[in-house]
């Protein structure tokens, strides 16, 4: 794999994680296919194991709380590209707040993912979410 291809892949995967965070923050569930592969598997303490984009979207919709917003920040993204697949890990901090108010709940977590190259670009095929800490204000 050429250096240019590797750099382009890493940039696209970093953008994928930014799109994932925005999808969650803006509740744009109809755009889930711009982030997830159709056969995505999500493993988290809240949802257990969810398989398939429809089940993942349904779970995210059920988690909505009226009047509550979230802001996801993703940091320390590591990407190891191997052909059409990449192993990734990142730290995230999630702030839950209501309009005009400081966050009332904050959580830190780690994400371990597998991204795959698809005809539409890189997509998350599997993600494991592990909470690290929480804080209520």
N, C-alpha and C. Protein backbone atom coordinates (compact mmCIF):
# COMPACT_ATOMS: atom_id res chain seq x y z
N UNK A 1 0.85 -1.18 0.00
CA UNK A 1 0.00 0.00 0.00
C UNK A 1 0.89 1.23 0.00
N UNK A 2 0.59 2.17 -0.87
CA UNK A 2 1.41 3.38 -0.97
C UNK A 2 1.17 4.28 0.25
N UNK A 3 2.15 5.11 0.52
CA UNK A 3 2.04 6.06 1.64
C UNK A 3 0.85 6.99 1.43
N UNK A 4 0.65 7.45 0.19
CA UNK A 4 -0.48 8.34 -0.10
C UNK A 4 -1.81 7.67 0.20
N UNK A 5 -1.95 6.41 -0.17
CA UNK A 5 -3.19 5.67 0.10
C UNK A 5 -3.40 5.50 1.60
N UNK A 6 -2.34 5.15 2.31
CA UNK A 6 -2.43 4.98 3.75
C UNK A 6 -2.84 6.28 4.43
N UNK A 7 -2.26 7.38 4.04
CA UNK A 7 -2.61 8.68 4.62
C UNK A 7 -4.07 9.02 4.30
N UNK A 8 -4.49 8.81 3.06
CA UNK A 8 -5.88 9.09 2.68
C UNK A 8 -6.84 8.22 3.48
N UNK A 9 -6.51 6.94 3.68
CA UNK A 9 -7.37 6.05 4.47
C UNK A 9 -7.47 6.54 5.91
N UNK A 10 -6.35 6.91 6.48
CA UNK A 10 -6.36 7.36 7.89
C UNK A 10 -7.19 8.64 8.04
N UNK A 11 -7.10 9.55 7.09
CA UNK A 11 -7.90 10.78 7.14
C UNK A 11 -9.39 10.44 7.03
N UNK A 12 -9.73 9.55 6.10
CA UNK A 12 -11.14 9.18 5.93
C UNK A 12 -11.68 8.48 7.18
N UNK A 13 -10.87 7.66 7.83
CA UNK A 13 -11.31 6.98 9.05
C UNK A 13 -11.47 7.99 10.19
N UNK A 14 -10.58 8.96 10.29
CA UNK A 14 -10.74 10.02 11.30
C UNK A 14 -12.04 10.78 11.06
N UNK A 15 -12.33 11.09 9.79
CA UNK A 15 -13.60 11.75 9.45
C UNK A 15 -14.79 10.86 9.82
N UNK A 16 -14.64 9.56 9.64
CA UNK A 16 -15.71 8.62 10.00
C UNK A 16 -16.07 8.75 11.47
N UNK A 17 -15.07 8.87 12.34
CA UNK A 17 -15.34 9.01 13.77
C UNK A 17 -15.98 10.36 14.09
N UNK A 18 -15.60 11.40 13.38
CA UNK A 18 -16.25 12.71 13.57
C UNK A 18 -17.71 12.63 13.12
N UNK A 19 -17.98 11.94 12.01
CA UNK A 19 -19.36 11.78 11.54
C UNK A 19 -20.18 10.95 12.52
N UNK A 20 -19.56 9.94 13.13
CA UNK A 20 -20.23 9.11 14.13
C UNK A 20 -20.66 9.99 15.31
N UNK A 21 -19.75 10.82 15.82
CA UNK A 21 -20.08 11.69 16.94
C UNK A 21 -21.20 12.66 16.57
N UNK A 22 -21.14 13.27 15.40
CA UNK A 22 -22.18 14.20 14.96
C UNK A 22 -23.52 13.50 14.76
N UNK A 23 -23.49 12.29 14.22
CA UNK A 23 -24.72 11.51 14.05
C UNK A 23 -25.41 11.35 15.40
N UNK A 24 -24.64 10.99 16.43
CA UNK A 24 -25.21 10.82 17.76
C UNK A 24 -25.71 12.14 18.33
N UNK A 25 -24.91 13.20 18.21
CA UNK A 25 -25.29 14.49 18.78
C UNK A 25 -26.53 15.09 18.11
N UNK A 26 -26.62 14.93 16.80
CA UNK A 26 -27.70 15.55 16.04
C UNK A 26 -28.88 14.62 15.81
N UNK A 27 -28.77 13.40 16.30
CA UNK A 27 -29.83 12.39 16.18
C UNK A 27 -30.27 12.20 14.72
N UNK A 28 -29.31 12.13 13.85
CA UNK A 28 -29.59 11.95 12.43
C UNK A 28 -29.59 10.46 12.09
N UNK A 29 -30.54 9.75 12.65
CA UNK A 29 -30.58 8.29 12.52
C UNK A 29 -30.72 7.85 11.06
N UNK A 30 -31.36 8.68 10.24
CA UNK A 30 -31.53 8.32 8.83
C UNK A 30 -30.20 8.30 8.08
N UNK A 31 -29.15 8.86 8.68
CA UNK A 31 -27.82 8.87 8.06
C UNK A 31 -26.90 7.78 8.62
N UNK A 32 -27.45 6.85 9.37
CA UNK A 32 -26.63 5.82 10.01
C UNK A 32 -25.81 5.04 9.00
N UNK A 33 -26.32 4.90 7.78
CA UNK A 33 -25.57 4.15 6.77
C UNK A 33 -24.34 4.90 6.26
N UNK A 34 -24.17 6.16 6.64
CA UNK A 34 -22.95 6.89 6.30
C UNK A 34 -21.84 6.62 7.30
N UNK A 35 -22.18 5.92 8.38
CA UNK A 35 -21.23 5.62 9.45
C UNK A 35 -21.04 4.11 9.63
N UNK A 36 -22.14 3.37 9.58
CA UNK A 36 -22.10 1.94 9.88
C UNK A 36 -22.25 1.08 8.64
N UNK A 37 -21.57 -0.06 8.66
CA UNK A 37 -21.81 -1.10 7.66
C UNK A 37 -23.17 -1.73 7.97
N UNK A 38 -23.83 -2.29 6.95
CA UNK A 38 -25.14 -2.91 7.15
C UNK A 38 -25.11 -3.99 8.22
N UNK A 39 -24.02 -4.73 8.30
CA UNK A 39 -23.91 -5.84 9.24
C UNK A 39 -23.19 -5.44 10.53
N UNK A 40 -23.27 -4.17 10.91
CA UNK A 40 -22.57 -3.66 12.09
C UNK A 40 -22.96 -4.47 13.34
N UNK A 41 -21.99 -4.60 14.23
CA UNK A 41 -22.22 -5.18 15.56
C UNK A 41 -21.73 -4.17 16.58
N UNK A 42 -22.60 -3.82 17.53
CA UNK A 42 -22.26 -2.88 18.58
C UNK A 42 -22.35 -3.62 19.91
N UNK A 43 -21.30 -3.51 20.70
CA UNK A 43 -21.25 -4.14 22.02
C UNK A 43 -21.09 -3.03 23.05
N UNK A 44 -22.07 -2.91 23.96
CA UNK A 44 -21.98 -1.89 24.99
C UNK A 44 -22.72 -2.37 26.24
N UNK A 45 -22.35 -1.84 27.40
CA UNK A 45 -23.06 -2.24 28.63
C UNK A 45 -24.55 -1.87 28.60
N UNK A 46 -24.89 -0.75 27.97
CA UNK A 46 -26.30 -0.32 27.93
C UNK A 46 -27.13 -1.15 26.97
N UNK A 47 -26.60 -1.46 25.81
CA UNK A 47 -27.39 -2.15 24.79
C UNK A 47 -27.10 -3.63 24.65
N UNK A 48 -26.06 -4.10 25.34
CA UNK A 48 -25.65 -5.49 25.14
C UNK A 48 -25.02 -5.63 23.78
N UNK A 49 -25.40 -6.67 23.05
CA UNK A 49 -24.89 -6.87 21.70
C UNK A 49 -26.01 -6.62 20.71
N UNK A 50 -25.80 -5.66 19.83
CA UNK A 50 -26.77 -5.32 18.79
C UNK A 50 -26.15 -5.65 17.45
N UNK A 51 -26.90 -6.35 16.61
CA UNK A 51 -26.38 -6.73 15.29
C UNK A 51 -27.30 -6.20 14.21
N UNK A 52 -26.71 -5.53 13.23
CA UNK A 52 -27.47 -4.98 12.11
C UNK A 52 -27.80 -3.53 12.33
N UNK A 53 -27.75 -2.78 11.25
CA UNK A 53 -27.93 -1.33 11.33
C UNK A 53 -29.33 -0.96 11.84
N UNK A 54 -30.35 -1.73 11.48
CA UNK A 54 -31.71 -1.42 11.93
C UNK A 54 -31.84 -1.56 13.45
N UNK A 55 -31.25 -2.59 14.02
CA UNK A 55 -31.32 -2.77 15.48
C UNK A 55 -30.53 -1.68 16.21
N UNK A 56 -29.40 -1.30 15.65
CA UNK A 56 -28.60 -0.24 16.26
C UNK A 56 -29.37 1.08 16.24
N UNK A 57 -29.97 1.41 15.12
CA UNK A 57 -30.74 2.66 15.01
C UNK A 57 -31.94 2.63 15.95
N UNK A 58 -32.63 1.52 16.02
CA UNK A 58 -33.78 1.39 16.92
C UNK A 58 -33.36 1.62 18.37
N UNK A 59 -32.23 1.05 18.77
CA UNK A 59 -31.74 1.24 20.13
C UNK A 59 -31.40 2.71 20.40
N UNK A 60 -30.75 3.37 19.44
CA UNK A 60 -30.39 4.78 19.62
C UNK A 60 -31.64 5.64 19.73
N UNK A 61 -32.66 5.35 18.94
CA UNK A 61 -33.92 6.10 19.03
C UNK A 61 -34.56 5.93 20.41
N UNK A 62 -34.54 4.72 20.94
CA UNK A 62 -35.14 4.44 22.24
C UNK A 62 -34.42 5.17 23.37
N UNK A 63 -33.13 5.50 23.16
CA UNK A 63 -32.35 6.17 24.19
C UNK A 63 -32.56 7.67 24.26
N UNK A 64 -33.34 8.21 23.35
CA UNK A 64 -33.57 9.66 23.35
C UNK A 64 -34.34 10.08 24.59
N UNK A 65 -33.91 11.20 25.20
CA UNK A 65 -34.59 11.78 26.35
C UNK A 65 -35.05 13.17 25.93
N UNK A 66 -36.35 13.43 26.06
CA UNK A 66 -36.93 14.72 25.66
C UNK A 66 -36.20 15.87 26.36
N UNK A 67 -35.74 16.84 25.57
CA UNK A 67 -35.10 18.04 26.10
C UNK A 67 -33.63 17.87 26.44
N UNK A 68 -33.11 16.66 26.32
CA UNK A 68 -31.70 16.42 26.64
C UNK A 68 -30.89 16.33 25.35
N UNK A 69 -29.72 16.92 25.36
CA UNK A 69 -28.81 16.89 24.22
C UNK A 69 -27.51 16.22 24.66
N UNK A 70 -26.73 15.81 23.68
CA UNK A 70 -25.42 15.21 23.96
C UNK A 70 -24.37 15.86 23.07
N UNK A 71 -23.17 15.93 23.59
CA UNK A 71 -22.03 16.37 22.80
C UNK A 71 -20.93 15.33 23.00
N UNK A 72 -20.60 14.64 21.91
CA UNK A 72 -19.56 13.60 21.93
C UNK A 72 -18.26 14.19 21.42
N UNK A 73 -17.19 14.00 22.16
CA UNK A 73 -15.87 14.39 21.69
C UNK A 73 -15.03 13.12 21.61
N UNK A 74 -14.32 12.96 20.52
CA UNK A 74 -13.49 11.79 20.30
C UNK A 74 -12.04 12.23 20.25
N UNK A 75 -11.20 11.57 21.04
CA UNK A 75 -9.79 11.95 21.11
C UNK A 75 -8.90 10.72 21.01
N UNK A 76 -7.63 10.96 20.83
CA UNK A 76 -6.61 9.91 20.86
C UNK A 76 -6.93 8.75 19.91
N UNK A 77 -7.43 9.08 18.73
CA UNK A 77 -7.77 8.05 17.75
C UNK A 77 -6.50 7.40 17.22
N UNK A 78 -6.47 6.08 17.33
CA UNK A 78 -5.38 5.29 16.75
C UNK A 78 -5.98 4.43 15.64
N UNK A 79 -5.30 4.37 14.51
CA UNK A 79 -5.80 3.63 13.35
C UNK A 79 -4.69 2.74 12.83
N UNK A 80 -4.98 1.46 12.66
CA UNK A 80 -4.04 0.51 12.08
C UNK A 80 -4.71 -0.09 10.85
N UNK A 81 -4.36 0.44 9.67
CA UNK A 81 -4.97 0.01 8.42
C UNK A 81 -4.25 -1.24 7.92
N UNK A 82 -5.04 -2.24 7.55
CA UNK A 82 -4.52 -3.47 6.95
C UNK A 82 -5.39 -3.79 5.74
N UNK A 83 -5.01 -3.24 4.59
CA UNK A 83 -5.80 -3.46 3.37
C UNK A 83 -7.14 -2.76 3.45
N UNK A 84 -8.22 -3.54 3.36
CA UNK A 84 -9.58 -2.98 3.38
C UNK A 84 -10.23 -3.03 4.76
N UNK A 85 -9.40 -3.20 5.78
CA UNK A 85 -9.91 -3.26 7.15
C UNK A 85 -8.97 -2.45 8.04
N UNK A 86 -9.50 -1.88 9.10
CA UNK A 86 -8.67 -1.11 10.03
C UNK A 86 -9.13 -1.36 11.46
N UNK A 87 -8.17 -1.58 12.34
CA UNK A 87 -8.45 -1.66 13.77
C UNK A 87 -8.26 -0.26 14.34
N UNK A 88 -9.22 0.19 15.13
CA UNK A 88 -9.16 1.54 15.68
C UNK A 88 -9.44 1.51 17.18
N UNK A 89 -8.93 2.52 17.85
CA UNK A 89 -9.30 2.74 19.25
C UNK A 89 -9.32 4.24 19.48
N UNK A 90 -10.17 4.66 20.40
CA UNK A 90 -10.29 6.08 20.70
C UNK A 90 -10.87 6.25 22.10
N UNK A 91 -10.62 7.41 22.67
CA UNK A 91 -11.27 7.82 23.90
C UNK A 91 -12.38 8.79 23.53
N UNK A 92 -13.46 8.77 24.28
CA UNK A 92 -14.55 9.71 24.05
C UNK A 92 -15.03 10.27 25.39
N UNK A 93 -15.42 11.51 25.36
CA UNK A 93 -16.10 12.13 26.49
C UNK A 93 -17.45 12.57 25.97
N UNK A 94 -18.49 12.23 26.72
CA UNK A 94 -19.85 12.57 26.32
C UNK A 94 -20.45 13.47 27.40
N UNK A 95 -20.93 14.63 26.97
CA UNK A 95 -21.57 15.59 27.85
C UNK A 95 -23.07 15.58 27.57
N UNK A 96 -23.88 15.41 28.61
CA UNK A 96 -25.34 15.47 28.48
C UNK A 96 -25.81 16.76 29.12
N UNK A 97 -26.62 17.52 28.38
CA UNK A 97 -27.03 18.84 28.85
C UNK A 97 -28.41 19.20 28.33
N UNK A 98 -28.97 20.24 28.88
CA UNK A 98 -30.22 20.82 28.41
C UNK A 98 -29.90 22.22 27.88
N UNK A 99 -30.72 22.71 26.95
CA UNK A 99 -30.46 24.01 26.32
C UNK A 99 -30.06 25.06 27.34
N UNK A 100 -28.92 25.73 27.08
CA UNK A 100 -28.48 26.84 27.89
C UNK A 100 -27.95 26.47 29.26
N UNK A 101 -27.83 25.18 29.57
CA UNK A 101 -27.36 24.76 30.89
C UNK A 101 -26.06 23.98 30.77
N UNK A 102 -25.31 24.01 31.86
CA UNK A 102 -24.08 23.22 31.91
C UNK A 102 -24.45 21.73 31.94
N UNK A 103 -23.53 20.87 31.55
CA UNK A 103 -23.83 19.43 31.55
C UNK A 103 -24.24 18.95 32.95
N UNK A 104 -25.24 18.08 32.97
CA UNK A 104 -25.68 17.48 34.23
C UNK A 104 -25.13 16.06 34.40
N UNK A 105 -24.56 15.53 33.33
CA UNK A 105 -23.97 14.19 33.38
C UNK A 105 -22.86 14.14 32.34
N UNK A 106 -21.72 13.59 32.73
CA UNK A 106 -20.59 13.46 31.83
C UNK A 106 -20.02 12.06 31.98
N UNK A 107 -19.60 11.47 30.88
CA UNK A 107 -19.01 10.14 30.94
C UNK A 107 -17.82 10.03 30.01
N UNK A 108 -16.84 9.27 30.43
CA UNK A 108 -15.69 8.97 29.60
C UNK A 108 -15.75 7.51 29.20
N UNK A 109 -15.40 7.23 27.96
CA UNK A 109 -15.43 5.84 27.51
C UNK A 109 -14.33 5.58 26.50
N UNK A 110 -14.11 4.30 26.28
CA UNK A 110 -13.16 3.87 25.26
C UNK A 110 -13.93 3.11 24.19
N UNK A 111 -13.52 3.32 22.95
CA UNK A 111 -14.12 2.62 21.82
C UNK A 111 -13.03 1.83 21.10
N UNK A 112 -13.33 0.57 20.85
CA UNK A 112 -12.46 -0.27 20.05
C UNK A 112 -13.30 -0.71 18.86
N UNK A 113 -12.83 -0.44 17.66
CA UNK A 113 -13.65 -0.67 16.48
C UNK A 113 -12.89 -1.36 15.37
N UNK A 114 -13.68 -1.93 14.48
CA UNK A 114 -13.18 -2.42 13.21
C UNK A 114 -13.91 -1.62 12.13
N UNK A 115 -13.14 -0.97 11.28
CA UNK A 115 -13.70 -0.24 10.14
C UNK A 115 -13.35 -1.02 8.88
N UNK A 116 -14.26 -0.96 7.92
CA UNK A 116 -14.03 -1.67 6.65
C UNK A 116 -14.25 -0.72 5.49
N UNK A 117 -13.48 -0.96 4.43
CA UNK A 117 -13.65 -0.18 3.21
C UNK A 117 -14.85 -0.76 2.45
N UNK A 118 -15.79 0.07 2.09
CA UNK A 118 -16.95 -0.35 1.31
C UNK A 118 -16.96 0.47 0.02
N UNK A 119 -17.81 0.13 -0.94
CA UNK A 119 -17.90 0.95 -2.15
C UNK A 119 -18.27 2.41 -1.85
N UNK A 120 -18.95 2.65 -0.71
CA UNK A 120 -19.34 4.01 -0.33
C UNK A 120 -18.31 4.69 0.56
N UNK A 121 -17.21 4.01 0.87
CA UNK A 121 -16.18 4.57 1.75
C UNK A 121 -16.05 3.73 3.02
N UNK A 122 -15.24 4.20 3.95
CA UNK A 122 -15.02 3.47 5.19
C UNK A 122 -16.25 3.51 6.08
N UNK A 123 -16.56 2.36 6.70
CA UNK A 123 -17.70 2.25 7.60
C UNK A 123 -17.30 1.43 8.81
N UNK A 124 -17.97 1.65 9.92
CA UNK A 124 -17.73 0.88 11.14
C UNK A 124 -18.49 -0.43 11.04
N UNK A 125 -17.78 -1.54 11.15
CA UNK A 125 -18.41 -2.86 11.11
C UNK A 125 -18.65 -3.38 12.53
N UNK A 126 -17.76 -3.03 13.44
CA UNK A 126 -17.93 -3.50 14.82
C UNK A 126 -17.36 -2.44 15.75
N UNK A 127 -18.04 -2.23 16.87
CA UNK A 127 -17.55 -1.30 17.88
C UNK A 127 -17.85 -1.87 19.26
N UNK A 128 -16.86 -1.80 20.12
CA UNK A 128 -16.99 -2.19 21.53
C UNK A 128 -16.81 -0.93 22.36
N UNK A 129 -17.79 -0.63 23.17
CA UNK A 129 -17.78 0.57 23.99
C UNK A 129 -17.60 0.15 25.44
N UNK A 130 -16.57 0.71 26.09
CA UNK A 130 -16.27 0.39 27.47
C UNK A 130 -16.26 1.67 28.29
N UNK A 131 -17.21 1.84 29.21
CA UNK A 131 -17.18 3.04 30.07
C UNK A 131 -15.94 3.07 30.95
N UNK A 132 -15.39 4.23 31.12
CA UNK A 132 -14.21 4.41 31.98
C UNK A 132 -14.60 5.12 33.29
N UNK A 133 -15.51 6.11 33.19
CA UNK A 133 -15.93 6.86 34.37
C UNK A 133 -17.19 7.65 34.05
N UNK A 134 -17.90 8.09 35.09
CA UNK A 134 -19.05 8.98 34.95
C UNK A 134 -19.01 10.01 36.08
N UNK A 135 -19.68 11.13 35.79
CA UNK A 135 -19.79 12.18 36.81
C UNK A 135 -21.14 12.87 36.65
N UNK A 136 -21.88 12.92 37.74
CA UNK A 136 -23.14 13.68 37.75
C UNK A 136 -22.89 15.02 38.39
N UNK A 137 -23.47 16.06 37.79
CA UNK A 137 -23.27 17.42 38.33
C UNK A 137 -24.46 17.83 39.15
